[in-house]
Every structure is written in C-alpha cells, then in structure tokens.
Amino acid sequence: MKIMYIAIAFFLVGLLGYAPYKAYGTIDTVTNVVVTGKEIKRNGQTSDRYLIATRTQNGSVEVFENTDAWLNGKFASSDMNAIIAEGDMCTFTVNGWRVPLFSMYRNILETDCSR
C-alpha cells in the first residue's frame, strides 16, 4: 500500500511540474509559413481543438494547434481560427513542443496573417 502512495505522489509531482512547463515552456516565433489546411477536432464536452497545417518556404511542413491557453492569457481560439484562412502567409507566436507519440502540437498564441 505504501508503494502505491509513493507512486501516486511521484505522478502528481510530475503532473504539477509539467503543466506550467507546457504552458510557459518554449515560446518561439515562426515566420513566413503558408496555411495549407485547417481541421477542427470536436471534443464534445470542452473546447474544440483547431489544427492548422502549414508549409514553409523551403517546403517543410508542420501542423500547429489553436486552443485556448489560460496560463498564457489566450481565451479566443475560435476567433483566431476564423481569422486564419487557407493560402494565408502567416507569422505565428507559438509555445510547447511537437510530440507525435502523444499527438501534441505547438500551440499558436498570436498570429499575423496576410492574404
């Protein structure tokens, strides 16, 4: 029984350490990407997850997510998603990491797009 409590304690400490690190981890600026596609992942109970596919000038591709980020002060991901259109040339301020194993994408915090 004692081992179970220790395991739960390690899990909670890891979780509590991960949340701020995910929210404030790495903040980067991604410039001159062309939006090549958009998709909405409906959750049904909480907010939707918007996926934005992009291509850089050198041909590499990356998919970003556009979700609310409370710890970063971003609450209007639906409004941001309405602004971003396929074919736009954008500069994104993003945070987080791309971890394919867990279907994690870098989250768009701010955007500046032109058609």
PDB file of N, CA and C in Angstrom:
ATOM      1  N   MET A   1       0.824  -1.193   0.000  1.00  0.00           N
ATOM      2  CA  MET A   1       0.000   0.000   0.000  1.00  0.00           C
ATOM      3  C   MET A   1       0.869   1.257   0.000  1.00  0.00           C
ATOM      4  N   LYS A   2       1.978   1.203   0.735  1.00  0.00           N
ATOM      5  CA  LYS A   2       2.877   2.341   0.808  1.00  0.00           C
ATOM      6  C   LYS A   2       3.482   2.655  -0.557  1.00  0.00           C
ATOM      7  N   ILE A   3       3.784   1.630  -1.332  1.00  0.00           N
ATOM      8  CA  ILE A   3       4.360   1.835  -2.665  1.00  0.00           C
ATOM      9  C   ILE A   3       3.356   2.547  -3.566  1.00  0.00           C
ATOM     10  N   MET A   4       2.079   2.224  -3.421  1.00  0.00           N
ATOM     11  CA  MET A   4       1.052   2.877  -4.233  1.00  0.00           C
ATOM     12  C   MET A   4       0.998   4.373  -3.931  1.00  0.00           C
ATOM     13  N   TYR A   5       1.088   4.752  -2.648  1.00  0.00           N
ATOM     14  CA  TYR A   5       1.072   6.164  -2.286  1.00  0.00           C
ATOM     15  C   TYR A   5       2.297   6.894  -2.823  1.00  0.00           C
ATOM     16  N   ILE A   6       3.432   6.224  -2.804  1.00  0.00           N
ATOM     17  CA  ILE A   6       4.646   6.827  -3.349  1.00  0.00           C
ATOM     18  C   ILE A   6       4.506   7.024  -4.853  1.00  0.00           C
ATOM     19  N   ALA A   7       3.954   6.037  -5.537  1.00  0.00           N
ATOM     20  CA  ALA A   7       3.749   6.148  -6.985  1.00  0.00           C
ATOM     21  C   ALA A   7       2.788   7.280  -7.314  1.00  0.00           C
ATOM     22  N   ILE A   8       1.715   7.409  -6.545  1.00  0.00           N
ATOM     23  CA  ILE A   8       0.747   8.492  -6.762  1.00  0.00           C
ATOM     24  C   ILE A   8       1.408   9.846  -6.512  1.00  0.00           C
ATOM     25  N   ALA A   9       2.233   9.931  -5.480  1.00  0.00           N
ATOM     26  CA  ALA A   9       2.931  11.182  -5.167  1.00  0.00           C
ATOM     27  C   ALA A   9       3.865  11.579  -6.313  1.00  0.00           C
ATOM     28  N   PHE A  10       4.620  10.625  -6.845  1.00  0.00           N
ATOM     29  CA  PHE A  10       5.509  10.924  -7.971  1.00  0.00           C
ATOM     30  C   PHE A  10       4.711  11.376  -9.192  1.00  0.00           C
ATOM     31  N   PHE A  11       3.587  10.736  -9.444  1.00  0.00           N
ATOM     32  CA  PHE A  11       2.745  11.111 -10.575  1.00  0.00           C
ATOM     33  C   PHE A  11       2.238  12.541 -10.415  1.00  0.00           C
ATOM     34  N   LEU A  12       1.742  12.890  -9.232  1.00  0.00           N
ATOM     35  CA  LEU A  12       1.210  14.230  -9.004  1.00  0.00           C
ATOM     36  C   LEU A  12       2.295  15.295  -9.097  1.00  0.00           C
ATOM     37  N   VAL A  13       3.475  15.010  -8.552  1.00  0.00           N
ATOM     38  CA  VAL A  13       4.573  15.962  -8.644  1.00  0.00           C
ATOM     39  C   VAL A  13       4.963  16.165 -10.103  1.00  0.00           C
ATOM     40  N   GLY A  14       5.019  15.069 -10.865  1.00  0.00           N
ATOM     41  CA  GLY A  14       5.333  15.181 -12.286  1.00  0.00           C
ATOM     42  C   GLY A  14       4.289  15.969 -13.038  1.00  0.00           C
ATOM     43  N   LEU A  15       3.025  15.723 -12.740  1.00  0.00           N
ATOM     44  CA  LEU A  15       1.933  16.431 -13.399  1.00  0.00           C
ATOM     45  C   LEU A  15       1.952  17.913 -13.052  1.00  0.00           C
ATOM     46  N   LEU A  16       2.144  18.230 -11.796  1.00  0.00           N
ATOM     47  CA  LEU A  16       2.180  19.627 -11.379  1.00  0.00           C
ATOM     48  C   LEU A  16       3.388  20.357 -11.964  1.00  0.00           C
ATOM     49  N   GLY A  17       4.472  19.654 -12.172  1.00  0.00           N
ATOM     50  CA  GLY A  17       5.635  20.262 -12.794  1.00  0.00           C
ATOM     51  C   GLY A  17       5.484  20.416 -14.296  1.00  0.00           C
ATOM     52  N   TYR A  18       4.715  19.516 -14.913  1.00  0.00           N
ATOM     53  CA  TYR A  18       4.552  19.526 -16.360  1.00  0.00           C
ATOM     54  C   TYR A  18       3.638  20.655 -16.831  1.00  0.00           C
ATOM     55  N   ALA A  19       2.558  20.919 -16.130  1.00  0.00           N
ATOM     56  CA  ALA A  19       1.564  21.897 -16.588  1.00  0.00           C
ATOM     57  C   ALA A  19       2.167  23.285 -16.820  1.00  0.00           C
ATOM     58  N   PRO A  20       2.873  23.860 -15.843  1.00  0.00           N
ATOM     59  CA  PRO A  20       3.482  25.172 -16.119  1.00  0.00           C
ATOM     60  C   PRO A  20       4.561  25.102 -17.193  1.00  0.00           C
ATOM     61  N   TYR A  21       5.294  24.014 -17.235  1.00  0.00           N
ATOM     62  CA  TYR A  21       6.352  23.879 -18.236  1.00  0.00           C
ATOM     63  C   TYR A  21       5.744  23.837 -19.631  1.00  0.00           C
ATOM     64  N   LYS A  22       4.607  23.152 -19.789  1.00  0.00           N
ATOM     65  CA  LYS A  22       3.900  23.100 -21.073  1.00  0.00           C
ATOM     66  C   LYS A  22       3.386  24.486 -21.433  1.00  0.00           C
ATOM     67  N   ALA A  23       2.844  25.193 -20.442  1.00  0.00           N
ATOM     68  CA  ALA A  23       2.251  26.497 -20.709  1.00  0.00           C
ATOM     69  C   ALA A  23       3.302  27.558 -20.997  1.00  0.00           C
ATOM     70  N   TYR A  24       4.378  27.533 -20.254  1.00  0.00           N
ATOM     71  CA  TYR A  24       5.377  28.588 -20.383  1.00  0.00           C
ATOM     72  C   TYR A  24       6.656  28.110 -21.041  1.00  0.00           C
ATOM     73  N   GLY A  25       6.767  26.824 -21.324  1.00  0.00           N
ATOM     74  CA  GLY A  25       7.969  26.210 -21.866  1.00  0.00           C
ATOM     75  C   GLY A  25       8.707  27.056 -22.874  1.00  0.00           C
ATOM     76  N   THR A  26       8.644  26.700 -24.109  1.00  0.00           N
ATOM     77  CA  THR A  26       9.360  27.424 -25.148  1.00  0.00           C
ATOM     78  C   THR A  26       8.375  28.268 -25.941  1.00  0.00           C
ATOM     79  N   ILE A  27       8.679  29.539 -26.074  1.00  0.00           N
ATOM     80  CA  ILE A  27       7.864  30.427 -26.901  1.00  0.00           C
ATOM     81  C   ILE A  27       8.735  30.849 -28.073  1.00  0.00           C
ATOM     82  N   ASP A  28       8.282  30.522 -29.270  1.00  0.00           N
ATOM     83  CA  ASP A  28       9.034  30.797 -30.494  1.00  0.00           C
ATOM     84  C   ASP A  28       8.189  31.614 -31.447  1.00  0.00           C
ATOM     85  N   THR A  29       8.851  32.245 -32.399  1.00  0.00           N
ATOM     86  CA  THR A  29       8.169  32.921 -33.494  1.00  0.00           C
ATOM     87  C   THR A  29       8.474  32.149 -34.771  1.00  0.00           C
ATOM     88  N   VAL A  30       7.418  31.746 -35.454  1.00  0.00           N
ATOM     89  CA  VAL A  30       7.538  31.025 -36.721  1.00  0.00           C
ATOM     90  C   VAL A  30       7.082  31.989 -37.809  1.00  0.00           C
ATOM     91  N   THR A  31       7.978  32.299 -38.752  1.00  0.00           N
ATOM     92  CA  THR A  31       7.667  33.312 -39.759  1.00  0.00           C
ATOM     93  C   THR A  31       7.508  32.699 -41.145  1.00  0.00           C
ATOM     94  N   ASN A  32       6.774  33.408 -41.966  1.00  0.00           N
ATOM     95  CA  ASN A  32       6.613  33.083 -43.391  1.00  0.00           C
ATOM     96  C   ASN A  32       6.177  31.643 -43.642  1.00  0.00           C
ATOM     97  N   VAL A  33       5.105  31.240 -42.991  1.00  0.00           N
ATOM     98  CA  VAL A  33       4.524  29.934 -43.273  1.00  0.00           C
ATOM     99  C   VAL A  33       3.215  30.150 -44.017  1.00  0.00           C
ATOM    100  N   VAL A  34       2.919  29.252 -44.936  1.00  0.00           N
ATOM    101  CA  VAL A  34       1.686  29.323 -45.708  1.00  0.00           C
ATOM    102  C   VAL A  34       0.719  28.290 -45.129  1.00  0.00           C
ATOM    103  N   VAL A  35      -0.487  28.724 -44.836  1.00  0.00           N
ATOM    104  CA  VAL A  35      -1.511  27.825 -44.305  1.00  0.00           C
ATOM    105  C   VAL A  35      -2.016  26.955 -45.456  1.00  0.00           C
ATOM    106  N   THR A  36      -1.868  25.638 -45.314  1.00  0.00           N
ATOM    107  CA  THR A  36      -2.277  24.718 -46.376  1.00  0.00           C
ATOM    108  C   THR A  36      -3.543  23.944 -46.035  1.00  0.00           C
ATOM    109  N   GLY A  37      -3.986  24.006 -44.790  1.00  0.00           N
ATOM    110  CA  GLY A  37      -5.205  23.301 -44.421  1.00  0.00           C
ATOM    111  C   GLY A  37      -5.614  23.606 -42.993  1.00  0.00           C
ATOM    112  N   LYS A  38      -6.901  23.383 -42.711  1.00  0.00           N
ATOM    113  CA  LYS A  38      -7.450  23.590 -41.372  1.00  0.00           C
ATOM    114  C   LYS A  38      -8.392  22.443 -41.055  1.00  0.00           C
ATOM    115  N   GLU A  39      -8.433  22.056 -39.783  1.00  0.00           N
ATOM    116  CA  GLU A  39      -9.318  20.978 -39.353  1.00  0.00           C
ATOM    117  C   GLU A  39      -9.762  21.256 -37.924  1.00  0.00           C
ATOM    118  N   ILE A  40     -10.982  20.878 -37.611  1.00  0.00           N
ATOM    119  CA  ILE A  40     -11.500  21.031 -36.254  1.00  0.00           C
ATOM    120  C   ILE A  40     -11.658  19.646 -35.645  1.00  0.00           C
ATOM    121  N   LYS A  41     -11.038  19.444 -34.489  1.00  0.00           N
ATOM    122  CA  LYS A  41     -11.213  18.211 -33.723  1.00  0.00           C
ATOM    123  C   LYS A  41     -12.228  18.514 -32.641  1.00  0.00           C
ATOM    124  N   ARG A  42     -13.438  18.003 -32.792  1.00  0.00           N
ATOM    125  CA  ARG A  42     -14.502  18.263 -31.835  1.00  0.00           C
ATOM    126  C   ARG A  42     -14.359  17.353 -30.620  1.00  0.00           C
ATOM    127  N   ASN A  43     -14.425  17.972 -29.437  1.00  0.00           N
ATOM    128  CA  ASN A  43     -14.315  17.220 -28.196  1.00  0.00           C
ATOM    129  C   ASN A  43     -15.688  16.877 -27.652  1.00  0.00           C
ATOM    130  N   GLY A  44     -16.629  17.757 -27.852  1.00  0.00           N
ATOM    131  CA  GLY A  44     -17.995  17.480 -27.418  1.00  0.00           C
ATOM    132  C   GLY A  44     -18.318  18.029 -26.047  1.00  0.00           C
ATOM    133  N   GLN A  45     -17.382  17.958 -25.105  1.00  0.00           N
ATOM    134  CA  GLN A  45     -17.664  18.414 -23.750  1.00  0.00           C
ATOM    135  C   GLN A  45     -16.918  19.694 -23.407  1.00  0.00           C
ATOM    136  N   THR A  46     -15.717  19.845 -23.918  1.00  0.00           N
ATOM    137  CA  THR A  46     -14.944  21.054 -23.642  1.00  0.00           C
ATOM    138  C   THR A  46     -14.665  21.757 -24.962  1.00  0.00           C
ATOM    139  N   SER A  47     -13.733  22.682 -24.955  1.00  0.00           N
ATOM    140  CA  SER A  47     -13.470  23.471 -26.153  1.00  0.00           C
ATOM    141  C   SER A  47     -12.895  22.615 -27.280  1.00  0.00           C
ATOM    142  N   ASP A  48     -13.149  23.068 -28.497  1.00  0.00           N
ATOM    143  CA  ASP A  48     -12.645  22.369 -29.675  1.00  0.00           C
ATOM    144  C   ASP A  48     -11.146  22.592 -29.816  1.00  0.00           C
ATOM    145  N   ARG A  49     -10.538  21.733 -30.616  1.00  0.00           N
ATOM    146  CA  ARG A  49      -9.103  21.814 -30.909  1.00  0.00           C
ATOM    147  C   ARG A  49      -8.979  22.052 -32.407  1.00  0.00           C
ATOM    148  N   TYR A  50      -8.424  23.192 -32.774  1.00  0.00           N
ATOM    149  CA  TYR A  50      -8.250  23.540 -34.168  1.00  0.00           C
ATOM    150  C   TYR A  50      -6.838  23.170 -34.603  1.00  0.00           C
ATOM    151  N   LEU A  51      -6.716  22.477 -35.721  1.00  0.00           N
ATOM    152  CA  LEU A  51      -5.415  22.117 -36.264  1.00  0.00           C
ATOM    153  C   LEU A  51      -5.168  22.933 -37.528  1.00  0.00           C
ATOM    154  N   ILE A  52      -3.963  23.510 -37.633  1.00  0.00           N
ATOM    155  CA  ILE A  52      -3.585  24.362 -38.747  1.00  0.00           C
ATOM    156  C   ILE A  52      -2.358  23.753 -39.406  1.00  0.00           C
ATOM    157  N   ALA A  53      -2.501  23.296 -40.651  1.00  0.00           N
ATOM    158  CA  ALA A  53      -1.374  22.725 -41.399  1.00  0.00           C
ATOM    159  C   ALA A  53      -0.678  23.846 -42.155  1.00  0.00           C
ATOM    160  N   THR A  54       0.658  23.819 -42.128  1.00  0.00           N
ATOM    161  CA  THR A  54       1.435  24.873 -42.776  1.00  0.00           C
ATOM    162  C   THR A  54       2.584  24.288 -43.590  1.00  0.00           C
ATOM    163  N   ARG A  55       3.132  25.142 -44.463  1.00  0.00           N
ATOM    164  CA  ARG A  55       4.318  24.796 -45.245  1.00  0.00           C
ATOM    165  C   ARG A  55       5.239  26.012 -45.243  1.00  0.00           C
ATOM    166  N   THR A  56       6.529  25.779 -45.046  1.00  0.00           N
ATOM    167  CA  THR A  56       7.494  26.872 -45.062  1.00  0.00           C
ATOM    168  C   THR A  56       7.998  27.105 -46.484  1.00  0.00           C
ATOM    169  N   GLN A  57       8.790  28.144 -46.661  1.00  0.00           N
ATOM    170  CA  GLN A  57       9.326  28.466 -47.987  1.00  0.00           C
ATOM    171  C   GLN A  57      10.274  27.388 -48.503  1.00  0.00           C
ATOM    172  N   ASN A  58      10.921  26.655 -47.580  1.00  0.00           N
ATOM    173  CA  ASN A  58      11.828  25.591 -48.030  1.00  0.00           C
ATOM    174  C   ASN A  58      11.113  24.256 -48.210  1.00  0.00           C
ATOM    175  N   GLY A  59       9.790  24.248 -48.041  1.00  0.00           N
ATOM    176  CA  GLY A  59       8.993  23.059 -48.309  1.00  0.00           C
ATOM    177  C   GLY A  59       8.696  22.173 -47.119  1.00  0.00           C
ATOM    178  N   SER A  60       9.264  22.469 -45.943  1.00  0.00           N
ATOM    179  CA  SER A  60       8.956  21.638 -44.776  1.00  0.00           C
ATOM    180  C   SER A  60       7.542  21.950 -44.281  1.00  0.00           C
ATOM    181  N   VAL A  61       6.931  20.975 -43.644  1.00  0.00           N
ATOM    182  CA  VAL A  61       5.556  21.131 -43.172  1.00  0.00           C
ATOM    183  C   VAL A  61       5.516  20.984 -41.659  1.00  0.00           C
ATOM    184  N   GLU A  62       4.546  21.643 -41.046  1.00  0.00           N
ATOM    185  CA  GLU A  62       4.288  21.484 -39.623  1.00  0.00           C
ATOM    186  C   GLU A  62       2.815  21.759 -39.370  1.00  0.00           C
ATOM    187  N   VAL A  63       2.255  21.002 -38.462  1.00  0.00           N
ATOM    188  CA  VAL A  63       0.876  21.215 -38.032  1.00  0.00           C
ATOM    189  C   VAL A  63       0.919  21.842 -36.647  1.00  0.00           C
ATOM    190  N   PHE A  64       0.148  22.895 -36.469  1.00  0.00           N
ATOM    191  CA  PHE A  64       0.032  23.580 -35.181  1.00  0.00           C
ATOM    192  C   PHE A  64      -1.375  23.381 -34.662  1.00  0.00           C
ATOM    193  N   GLU A  65      -1.557  23.531 -33.354  1.00  0.00           N
ATOM    194  CA  GLU A  65      -2.910  23.556 -32.810  1.00  0.00           C
ATOM    195  C   GLU A  65      -3.232  24.974 -32.403  1.00  0.00           C
ATOM    196  N   ASN A  66      -4.507  25.261 -32.356  1.00  0.00           N
ATOM    197  CA  ASN A  66      -5.003  26.559 -31.933  1.00  0.00           C
ATOM    198  C   ASN A  66      -6.047  26.279 -30.871  1.00  0.00           C
ATOM    199  N   THR A  67      -5.621  26.316 -29.612  1.00  0.00           N
ATOM    200  CA  THR A  67      -6.527  26.085 -28.491  1.00  0.00           C
ATOM    201  C   THR A  67      -6.322  27.177 -27.456  1.00  0.00           C
ATOM    202  N   ASP A  68      -7.315  27.358 -26.597  1.00  0.00           N
ATOM    203  CA  ASP A  68      -7.176  28.322 -25.516  1.00  0.00           C
ATOM    204  C   ASP A  68      -6.007  27.922 -24.626  1.00  0.00           C
ATOM    205  N   ALA A  69      -5.269  28.915 -24.167  1.00  0.00           N
ATOM    206  CA  ALA A  69      -4.122  28.696 -23.283  1.00  0.00           C
ATOM    207  C   ALA A  69      -4.276  29.642 -22.096  1.00  0.00           C
ATOM    208  N   TRP A  70      -5.000  29.206 -21.104  1.00  0.00           N
ATOM    209  CA  TRP A  70      -5.338  30.045 -19.953  1.00  0.00           C
ATOM    210  C   TRP A  70      -4.108  30.613 -19.268  1.00  0.00           C
ATOM    211  N   LEU A  71      -3.081  29.804 -19.102  1.00  0.00           N
ATOM    212  CA  LEU A  71      -1.886  30.273 -18.407  1.00  0.00           C
ATOM    213  C   LEU A  71      -1.100  31.288 -19.223  1.00  0.00           C
ATOM    214  N   ASN A  72      -1.363  31.372 -20.521  1.00  0.00           N
ATOM    215  CA  ASN A  72      -0.723  32.365 -21.383  1.00  0.00           C
ATOM    216  C   ASN A  72      -1.653  33.532 -21.694  1.00  0.00           C
ATOM    217  N   GLY A  73      -2.856  33.521 -21.148  1.00  0.00           N
ATOM    218  CA  GLY A  73      -3.796  34.613 -21.371  1.00  0.00           C
ATOM    219  C   GLY A  73      -4.487  34.575 -22.721  1.00  0.00           C
ATOM    220  N   LYS A  74      -4.587  33.417 -23.335  1.00  0.00           N
ATOM    221  CA  LYS A  74      -5.257  33.295 -24.633  1.00  0.00           C
ATOM    222  C   LYS A  74      -6.599  32.593 -24.420  1.00  0.00           C
ATOM    223  N   PHE A  75      -7.690  33.298 -24.751  1.00  0.00           N
ATOM    224  CA  PHE A  75      -9.023  32.770 -24.498  1.00  0.00           C
ATOM    225  C   PHE A  75      -9.909  32.725 -25.738  1.00  0.00           C
ATOM    226  N   ALA A  76      -9.463  33.224 -26.870  1.00  0.00           N
ATOM    227  CA  ALA A  76     -10.331  33.372 -28.036  1.00  0.00           C
ATOM    228  C   ALA A  76      -9.813  32.567 -29.222  1.00  0.00           C
ATOM    229  N   SER A  77      -9.584  31.287 -29.023  1.00  0.00           N
ATOM    230  CA  SER A  77      -9.048  30.482 -30.118  1.00  0.00           C
ATOM    231  C   SER A  77     -10.044  30.350 -31.266  1.00  0.00           C
ATOM    232  N   SER A  78     -11.328  30.366 -30.980  1.00  0.00           N
ATOM    233  CA  SER A  78     -12.329  30.290 -32.052  1.00  0.00           C
ATOM    234  C   SER A  78     -12.270  31.523 -32.943  1.00  0.00           C
ATOM    235  N   ASP A  79     -12.110  32.687 -32.333  1.00  0.00           N
ATOM    236  CA  ASP A  79     -11.988  33.917 -33.112  1.00  0.00           C
ATOM    237  C   ASP A  79     -10.717  33.906 -33.960  1.00  0.00           C
ATOM    238  N   MET A  80      -9.620  33.419 -33.367  1.00  0.00           N
ATOM    239  CA  MET A  80      -8.360  33.340 -34.107  1.00  0.00           C
ATOM    240  C   MET A  80      -8.499  32.372 -35.277  1.00  0.00           C
ATOM    241  N   ASN A  81      -9.190  31.270 -35.059  1.00  0.00           N
ATOM    242  CA  ASN A  81      -9.369  30.292 -36.128  1.00  0.00           C
ATOM    243  C   ASN A  81     -10.165  30.879 -37.292  1.00  0.00           C
ATOM    244  N   ALA A  82     -11.108  31.757 -36.990  1.00  0.00           N
ATOM    245  CA  ALA A  82     -11.895  32.395 -38.047  1.00  0.00           C
ATOM    246  C   ALA A  82     -11.048  33.358 -38.879  1.00  0.00           C
ATOM    247  N   ILE A  83      -9.992  33.902 -38.292  1.00  0.00           N
ATOM    248  CA  ILE A  83      -9.132  34.849 -38.999  1.00  0.00           C
ATOM    249  C   ILE A  83      -8.173  34.134 -39.935  1.00  0.00           C
ATOM    250  N   ILE A  84      -7.671  32.967 -39.521  1.00  0.00           N
ATOM    251  CA  ILE A  84      -6.691  32.224 -40.303  1.00  0.00           C
ATOM    252  C   ILE A  84      -7.392  31.527 -41.461  1.00  0.00           C
ATOM    253  N   ALA A  85      -6.910  31.735 -42.686  1.00  0.00           N
ATOM    254  CA  ALA A  85      -7.524  31.118 -43.862  1.00  0.00           C
ATOM    255  C   ALA A  85      -6.469  30.374 -44.679  1.00  0.00           C
ATOM    256  N   GLU A  86      -6.921  29.359 -45.393  1.00  0.00           N
ATOM    257  CA  GLU A  86      -6.011  28.615 -46.268  1.00  0.00           C
ATOM    258  C   GLU A  86      -5.438  29.570 -47.310  1.00  0.00           C
ATOM    259  N   GLY A  87      -4.143  29.442 -47.556  1.00  0.00           N
ATOM    260  CA  GLY A  87      -3.458  30.305 -48.503  1.00  0.00           C
ATOM    261  C   GLY A  87      -2.812  31.517 -47.873  1.00  0.00           C
ATOM    262  N   ASP A  88      -3.133  31.826 -46.615  1.00  0.00           N
ATOM    263  CA  ASP A  88      -2.533  32.967 -45.925  1.00  0.00           C
ATOM    264  C   ASP A  88      -1.048  32.741 -45.679  1.00  0.00           C
ATOM    265  N   MET A  89      -0.277  33.816 -45.744  1.00  0.00           N
ATOM    266  CA  MET A  89       1.124  33.815 -45.315  1.00  0.00           C
ATOM    267  C   MET A  89       1.110  34.371 -43.895  1.00  0.00           C
ATOM    268  N   CYS A  90       1.617  33.587 -42.929  1.00  0.00           N
ATOM    269  CA  CYS A  90       1.467  33.958 -41.520  1.00  0.00           C
ATOM    270  C   CYS A  90       2.789  33.958 -40.762  1.00  0.00           C
ATOM    271  N   THR A  91       2.775  34.719 -39.705  1.00  0.00           N
ATOM    272  CA  THR A  91       3.795  34.663 -38.671  1.00  0.00           C
ATOM    273  C   THR A  91       3.074  34.273 -37.389  1.00  0.00           C
ATOM    274  N   PHE A  92       3.515  33.210 -36.761  1.00  0.00           N
ATOM    275  CA  PHE A  92       2.888  32.709 -35.541  1.00  0.00           C
ATOM    276  C   PHE A  92       3.837  32.849 -34.368  1.00  0.00           C
ATOM    277  N   THR A  93       3.291  33.212 -33.216  1.00  0.00           N
ATOM    278  CA  THR A  93       3.992  33.063 -31.949  1.00  0.00           C
ATOM    279  C   THR A  93       3.417  31.802 -31.326  1.00  0.00           C
ATOM    280  N   VAL A  94       4.278  30.828 -31.051  1.00  0.00           N
ATOM    281  CA  VAL A  94       3.813  29.512 -30.603  1.00  0.00           C
ATOM    282  C   VAL A  94       4.538  29.108 -29.320  1.00  0.00           C
ATOM    283  N   ASN A  95       3.940  28.160 -28.602  1.00  0.00           N
ATOM    284  CA  ASN A  95       4.627  27.578 -27.456  1.00  0.00           C
ATOM    285  C   ASN A  95       4.372  26.080 -27.425  1.00  0.00           C
ATOM    286  N   GLY A  96       5.172  25.411 -26.627  1.00  0.00           N
ATOM    287  CA  GLY A  96       5.026  23.968 -26.492  1.00  0.00           C
ATOM    288  C   GLY A  96       5.944  23.224 -27.449  1.00  0.00           C
ATOM    289  N   TRP A  97       5.666  21.933 -27.602  1.00  0.00           N
ATOM    290  CA  TRP A  97       6.506  21.072 -28.424  1.00  0.00           C
ATOM    291  C   TRP A  97       5.640  20.181 -29.289  1.00  0.00           C
ATOM    292  N   ARG A  98       6.218  19.708 -30.365  1.00  0.00           N
ATOM    293  CA  ARG A  98       5.566  18.710 -31.217  1.00  0.00           C
ATOM    294  C   ARG A  98       6.030  17.345 -30.743  1.00  0.00           C
ATOM    295  N   VAL A  99       5.092  16.572 -30.189  1.00  0.00           N
ATOM    296  CA  VAL A  99       5.378  15.217 -29.717  1.00  0.00           C
ATOM    297  C   VAL A  99       4.402  14.278 -30.422  1.00  0.00           C
ATOM    298  N   PRO A 100       4.816  13.688 -31.559  1.00  0.00           N
ATOM    299  CA  PRO A 100       3.901  12.851 -32.337  1.00  0.00           C
ATOM    300  C   PRO A 100       3.332  11.669 -31.558  1.00  0.00           C
ATOM    301  N   LEU A 101       4.106  11.086 -30.651  1.00  0.00           N
ATOM    302  CA  LEU A 101       3.648   9.934 -29.890  1.00  0.00           C
ATOM    303  C   LEU A 101       2.366  10.232 -29.118  1.00  0.00           C
ATOM    304  N   PHE A 102       2.234  11.462 -28.617  1.00  0.00           N
ATOM    305  CA  PHE A 102       1.063  11.844 -27.837  1.00  0.00           C
ATOM    306  C   PHE A 102       0.125  12.783 -28.601  1.00  0.00           C
ATOM    307  N   SER A 103       0.322  12.930 -29.902  1.00  0.00           N
ATOM    308  CA  SER A 103      -0.474  13.844 -30.734  1.00  0.00           C
ATOM    309  C   SER A 103      -0.473  15.258 -30.158  1.00  0.00           C
ATOM    310  N   MET A 104       0.696  15.706 -29.716  1.00  0.00           N
ATOM    311  CA  MET A 104       0.846  17.061 -29.185  1.00  0.00           C
ATOM    312  C   MET A 104       1.447  17.948 -30.270  1.00  0.00           C
ATOM    313  N   TYR A 105       0.896  19.149 -30.384  1.00  0.00           N
ATOM    314  CA  TYR A 105       1.363  20.115 -31.368  1.00  0.00           C
ATOM    315  C   TYR A 105       1.741  21.407 -30.659  1.00  0.00           C
ATOM    316  N   ARG A 106       2.585  22.212 -31.301  1.00  0.00           N
ATOM    317  CA  ARG A 106       2.849  23.537 -30.754  1.00  0.00           C
ATOM    318  C   ARG A 106       1.570  24.368 -30.904  1.00  0.00           C
ATOM    319  N   ASN A 107       1.259  25.142 -29.865  1.00  0.00           N
ATOM    320  CA  ASN A 107       0.020  25.928 -29.828  1.00  0.00           C
ATOM    321  C   ASN A 107       0.279  27.358 -30.297  1.00  0.00           C
ATOM    322  N   ILE A 108      -0.577  27.848 -31.161  1.00  0.00           N
ATOM    323  CA  ILE A 108      -0.482  29.224 -31.658  1.00  0.00           C
ATOM    324  C   ILE A 108      -1.024  30.164 -30.594  1.00  0.00           C
ATOM    325  N   LEU A 109      -0.195  31.095 -30.133  1.00  0.00           N
ATOM    326  CA  LEU A 109      -0.621  32.081 -29.151  1.00  0.00           C
ATOM    327  C   LEU A 109      -1.050  33.388 -29.805  1.00  0.00           C
ATOM    328  N   GLU A 110      -0.317  33.795 -30.851  1.00  0.00           N
ATOM    329  CA  GLU A 110      -0.635  35.013 -31.590  1.00  0.00           C
ATOM    330  C   GLU A 110      -0.388  34.762 -33.066  1.00  0.00           C
ATOM    331  N   THR A 111      -1.095  35.496 -33.899  1.00  0.00           N
ATOM    332  CA  THR A 111      -0.932  35.310 -35.338  1.00  0.00           C
ATOM    333  C   THR A 111      -0.985  36.655 -36.050  1.00  0.00           C
ATOM    334  N   ASP A 112      -0.255  36.729 -37.132  1.00  0.00           N
ATOM    335  CA  ASP A 112      -0.294  37.884 -38.027  1.00  0.00           C
ATOM    336  C   ASP A 112      -0.304  37.301 -39.437  1.00  0.00           C
ATOM    337  N   CYS A 113      -1.460  37.348 -40.087  1.00  0.00           N
ATOM    338  CA  CYS A 113      -1.616  36.720 -41.405  1.00  0.00           C
ATOM    339  C   CYS A 113      -1.974  37.764 -42.455  1.00  0.00           C
ATOM    340  N   SER A 114      -1.524  37.494 -43.674  1.00  0.00           N
ATOM    341  CA  SER A 114      -1.899  38.339 -44.813  1.00  0.00           C
ATOM    342  C   SER A 114      -2.270  37.430 -45.990  1.00  0.00           C
ATOM    343  N   ARG A 115      -3.172  37.909 -46.805  1.00  0.00           N
ATOM    344  CA  ARG A 115      -3.656  37.123 -47.931  1.00  0.00           C
ATOM    345  C   ARG A 115      -2.915  37.506 -49.189  1.00  0.00           C
TER     346      ARG A 115
END
